[in-house]
């Protein structure tokens, strides 16, 4: 890996949740990162407190990213490596 891409936020509107849009976005980002030999870093943090109680909490979000191939990294975040 020659570098990394840091994701700050991926957000879908409540009416789009559960339709696979975030997963599709992550797949596209992973394809670009893989083509350029860079890892993807992120710090999963849920916005359910600010943006509605039916949103994922932080542990659900972390679990979602694990299913997308991310692993816990650096004691604070998660990383996907090509």
Protein backbone atom coordinates (compact mmCIF):
# COMPACT_ATOMS: atom_id res chain seq x y z
CA UNK A 1 0.00 0.00 0.00
CA UNK A 2 1.38 3.42 -0.97
CA UNK A 3 -1.02 5.64 0.92
CA UNK A 4 -4.50 5.85 2.28
CA UNK A 5 -7.87 7.44 1.76
CA UNK A 6 -9.59 8.69 4.92
CA UNK A 7 -13.38 8.66 4.90
CA UNK A 8 -15.01 11.27 7.06
CA UNK A 9 -18.68 10.44 6.49
CA UNK A 10 -20.95 8.35 4.30
CA UNK A 11 -24.55 9.26 4.84
CA UNK A 12 -27.78 8.14 3.29
CA UNK A 13 -31.11 9.79 3.87
CA UNK A 14 -33.57 7.90 6.07
CA UNK A 15 -35.75 7.02 3.06
CA UNK A 16 -32.73 5.47 1.30
CA UNK A 17 -31.47 3.42 4.24
CA UNK A 18 -31.53 -0.34 3.86
CA UNK A 19 -31.47 -0.18 0.06
CA UNK A 20 -27.76 -0.94 -0.39
CA UNK A 21 -26.60 2.52 -1.46
CA UNK A 22 -23.90 2.83 1.23
CA UNK A 23 -22.63 -0.65 0.42
CA UNK A 24 -22.50 0.19 -3.30
CA UNK A 25 -20.58 3.37 -2.54
CA UNK A 26 -18.07 1.49 -0.40
CA UNK A 27 -17.60 -1.12 -3.15
CA UNK A 28 -16.84 1.64 -5.67
CA UNK A 29 -14.41 3.31 -3.27
CA UNK A 30 -12.67 -0.02 -2.62
CA UNK A 31 -12.30 -0.58 -6.38
CA UNK A 32 -10.66 2.84 -6.82
CA UNK A 33 -8.45 2.34 -3.75
CA UNK A 34 -7.41 -1.10 -4.99
CA UNK A 35 -6.55 0.26 -8.45
CA UNK A 36 -4.27 2.83 -6.81
CA UNK A 37 -2.87 0.52 -4.10
CA UNK A 38 -4.15 2.60 -1.21
CA UNK A 39 -5.94 1.56 1.95
CA UNK A 40 -9.15 3.13 3.25
CA UNK A 41 -9.25 4.42 6.82
CA UNK A 42 -12.28 5.55 8.76
CA UNK A 43 -13.47 6.19 12.26
CA UNK A 44 -16.99 4.79 12.53
CA UNK A 45 -19.25 7.10 14.49
CA UNK A 46 -23.00 7.00 14.43
CA UNK A 47 -25.11 10.09 14.08
CA UNK A 48 -28.29 8.47 15.42
CA UNK A 49 -28.41 10.92 18.33
CA UNK A 50 -28.47 13.91 15.99
CA UNK A 51 -30.28 12.49 12.98
CA UNK A 52 -33.00 10.17 14.23
CA UNK A 53 -33.36 7.30 16.63
CA UNK A 54 -33.87 4.66 13.91
CA UNK A 55 -30.35 5.18 12.54
CA UNK A 56 -27.51 2.72 13.26
CA UNK A 57 -25.71 3.11 16.56
CA UNK A 58 -21.89 3.05 16.66
CA UNK A 59 -21.57 -0.72 17.23
CA UNK A 60 -24.03 -1.50 14.43
CA UNK A 61 -22.05 0.80 12.16
CA UNK A 62 -18.77 -0.90 13.13
CA UNK A 63 -20.38 -4.27 12.38
CA UNK A 64 -21.56 -2.97 9.00
CA UNK A 65 -18.01 -1.94 8.09
CA UNK A 66 -16.66 -5.32 9.22
CA UNK A 67 -19.06 -6.99 6.78
CA UNK A 68 -17.57 -4.76 4.07
CA UNK A 69 -14.07 -6.10 4.80
CA UNK A 70 -12.80 -3.44 7.22
CA UNK A 71 -10.80 -4.44 10.31
CA UNK A 72 -10.22 -2.62 13.58
CA UNK A 73 -7.01 -0.58 13.33
CA UNK A 74 -4.85 1.88 15.23
CA UNK A 75 -6.98 1.71 18.38
CA UNK A 76 -9.37 4.36 17.08
CA UNK A 77 -10.67 3.32 13.69
CA UNK A 78 -10.97 0.77 10.96
CA UNK A 79 -8.99 0.00 7.82
CA UNK A 80 -9.55 -1.81 4.54
CA UNK A 81 -6.47 -2.93 2.62
CA UNK A 82 -6.41 -3.92 -1.06
